[in-house]
Protein backbone atom coordinates (compact mmCIF):
# COMPACT_ATOMS: atom_id res chain seq x y z
CA UNK A 1 -79.64 16.30 -46.50
CA UNK A 2 -77.80 13.71 -43.95
CA UNK A 3 -79.75 10.50 -44.55
CA UNK A 4 -78.60 11.15 -48.32
CA UNK A 5 -74.71 10.45 -47.61
CA UNK A 6 -74.68 6.61 -46.06
CA UNK A 7 -76.43 6.13 -48.99
CA UNK A 8 -74.26 7.58 -52.05
CA UNK A 9 -71.39 5.19 -49.66
CA UNK A 10 -73.57 2.15 -49.89
CA UNK A 11 -74.00 2.94 -53.54
CA UNK A 12 -70.07 3.45 -54.08
CA UNK A 13 -68.74 1.09 -52.74
CA UNK A 14 -71.54 -1.60 -54.05
CA UNK A 15 -70.11 -0.49 -56.75
CA UNK A 16 -66.47 -1.14 -56.26
CA UNK A 17 -67.60 -4.01 -54.52
CA UNK A 18 -68.90 -5.58 -58.00
CA UNK A 19 -65.74 -4.35 -60.18
CA UNK A 20 -63.61 -6.32 -58.55
CA UNK A 21 -65.82 -9.21 -58.52
CA UNK A 22 -65.97 -8.25 -62.41
CA UNK A 23 -62.32 -7.71 -62.42
CA UNK A 24 -61.28 -11.01 -60.67
CA UNK A 25 -63.89 -13.47 -62.89
CA UNK A 26 -62.04 -12.00 -66.28
CA UNK A 27 -58.33 -12.54 -64.81
CA UNK A 28 -59.42 -16.20 -64.29
CA UNK A 29 -60.99 -16.86 -67.26
CA UNK A 30 -57.95 -14.50 -69.38
CA UNK A 31 -55.70 -16.99 -67.42
CA UNK A 32 -57.52 -19.76 -67.63
CA UNK A 33 -58.16 -19.35 -71.67
CA UNK A 34 -54.00 -19.18 -71.37
CA UNK A 35 -53.47 -21.71 -69.52
CA UNK A 36 -56.25 -23.79 -72.33
CA UNK A 37 -54.66 -22.19 -75.54
CA UNK A 38 -51.15 -20.98 -74.90
CA UNK A 39 -52.12 -17.39 -76.60
CA UNK A 40 -53.84 -14.71 -76.20
CA UNK A 41 -54.96 -11.34 -78.39
CA UNK A 42 -54.26 -8.18 -76.76
CA UNK A 43 -55.04 -4.52 -78.91
CA UNK A 44 -53.88 -1.47 -77.07
CA UNK A 45 -54.40 2.28 -78.14
CA UNK A 46 -53.02 4.96 -76.71
CA UNK A 47 -54.60 8.15 -77.55
CA UNK A 48 -54.58 12.51 -75.71
CA UNK A 49 -57.39 14.06 -74.06
CA UNK A 50 -57.66 18.19 -74.92
CA UNK A 51 -56.52 18.44 -71.04
CA UNK A 52 -53.46 16.64 -72.59
CA UNK A 53 -53.84 14.00 -70.34
CA UNK A 54 -52.62 10.78 -72.17
CA UNK A 55 -54.17 6.75 -71.69
CA UNK A 56 -53.85 4.14 -72.87
CA UNK A 57 -56.36 1.32 -73.13
CA UNK A 58 -55.75 -2.91 -73.04
CA UNK A 59 -58.06 -5.01 -74.70
CA UNK A 60 -58.82 -8.04 -74.84
CA UNK A 61 -59.47 -10.75 -77.58
CA UNK A 62 -60.73 -14.42 -77.37
CA UNK A 63 -62.89 -17.31 -78.37
CA UNK A 64 -65.33 -18.91 -76.66
CA UNK A 65 -67.39 -21.77 -78.68
CA UNK A 66 -66.03 -19.71 -81.79
CA UNK A 67 -67.51 -16.41 -81.04
CA UNK A 68 -64.86 -13.18 -80.19
CA UNK A 69 -65.18 -12.58 -76.84
CA UNK A 70 -63.69 -9.12 -76.40
CA UNK A 71 -63.29 -7.29 -72.95
CA UNK A 72 -61.05 -4.33 -71.82
CA UNK A 73 -59.28 -5.50 -69.41
CA UNK A 74 -57.86 -2.16 -68.16
CA UNK A 75 -57.87 1.89 -69.19
CA UNK A 76 -54.88 3.77 -67.43
CA UNK A 77 -53.65 7.03 -67.77
CA UNK A 78 -49.89 7.24 -68.69
CA UNK A 79 -47.58 9.42 -67.37
CA UNK A 80 -47.15 12.86 -69.20
CA UNK A 81 -43.35 13.12 -68.76
CA UNK A 82 -42.48 9.44 -69.82
CA UNK A 83 -41.64 8.91 -73.56
CA UNK A 84 -43.69 6.97 -75.33
CA UNK A 85 -40.69 4.51 -76.87
CA UNK A 86 -41.08 0.51 -77.75
CA UNK A 87 -39.81 -0.21 -74.10
CA UNK A 88 -41.23 2.24 -71.71
CA UNK A 89 -44.75 0.81 -73.28
CA UNK A 90 -43.89 -3.01 -73.00
CA UNK A 91 -42.46 -2.04 -69.08
CA UNK A 92 -45.96 -1.08 -68.75
CA UNK A 93 -48.02 -2.95 -69.91
CA UNK A 94 -45.98 -6.16 -68.16
CA UNK A 95 -46.52 -3.73 -64.99
CA UNK A 96 -50.46 -3.64 -65.77
CA UNK A 97 -50.21 -7.32 -66.21
CA UNK A 98 -48.37 -8.18 -62.66
CA UNK A 99 -51.42 -6.08 -61.29
CA UNK A 100 -53.73 -8.06 -62.44
CA UNK A 101 -52.02 -11.63 -61.63
CA UNK A 102 -51.58 -12.25 -65.36
CA UNK A 103 -49.48 -14.80 -65.49
CA UNK A 104 -46.92 -15.43 -67.91
CA UNK A 105 -48.28 -12.27 -70.02
CA UNK A 106 -44.88 -11.41 -72.19
CA UNK A 107 -44.90 -14.80 -73.11
CA UNK A 108 -48.49 -16.10 -74.11
CA UNK A 109 -50.21 -12.49 -75.24
CA UNK A 110 -49.68 -10.93 -78.38
CA UNK A 111 -49.98 -7.23 -78.97
CA UNK A 112 -51.40 -5.48 -81.90
CA UNK A 113 -51.32 -1.41 -82.22
CA UNK A 114 -51.95 1.12 -84.40
CA UNK A 115 -48.30 2.67 -84.83
């Protein structure tokens, strides 16, 4: 049993490392796209699961050689005690942009949501 534990730790560390590399690559791709074209499309969605937790997803949309490229940037839990107002959502998305080191998010991103 103890022989398996280091393997699990290694798998978890490998997954975390690969996710970090993929995230850095996506952020670089987004910043390059914004510098090249000036704008980027983003869709957001909010929903509640059966345990009454609220979630937000942020998906970016870019054209690459005349093909639409869509990538989920993040999914995060919305604080249960925070009102879903336009101002709170805007602040949350700006903080998310800062976490991913996406430059000039408010000036270059166009957000679309179903509500």
